[in-house]
Amino acid sequence: MSGAGARATCVICRHNGVERKASAVQGPRGRDGRVTIRTVAEHAGRSISTVSAALNGSDGVAEKTREEILRIAAELGYQADPRAQFLRRSHTGLIGASFAIGQAYQGLIVDGLFQAASTLGHALVLATSTPHRGVADGLRSLLLERCEGIILIDPDISVDALARIVN
């Protein structure tokens, strides 16, 4: 790796008596341990806004700089967080689907929904109802995820109960 602030180390890890080489990228990471734009910016010696513009293909970034940032991002294993991108655009891009476990045809419907959502640049969030988890609980979880639309597949819930959840 090159660029100001590049910090990578190779360490030996021992787990259950077995030694292994492990590459460890140092620097800021997201809450889930993922490489962030900030990590890429530090390794590239660039500002976060420049890295963001380069990764998003925006104007105003020299081609040489863009190529360097893309190379460093790839080396670090950077992957854009689609939820963060959707939130910056004031929408989540999430479509919720509620269905019951145990109906074979519903799996086919959900598979079709995944394909359609992906084609349209959306993500599908599932909520299943089981004998121990009702449809209402699943719908509440989809609303907490900020789904922009919810598809009910063969719902076992009254219209009144549905209205109470939404309101």
Foldseek 3Di string as FASTA:
>chain_A
DDAAQFDKDWDWDADPNDTDIDIDGDDDDDPVRAQDLRSLCNNHVHDSVLLVCLVVVHPDHDPVSSVSSVVSCVVRVHDDDLQVVQVVVVARLEEEEEEEPDDVVVVVVVVVVQVVSVVVVGHYDYFYAYPVRARLNSVLVCVVVRHPYYHYDPHPDDPVSVVVSVD
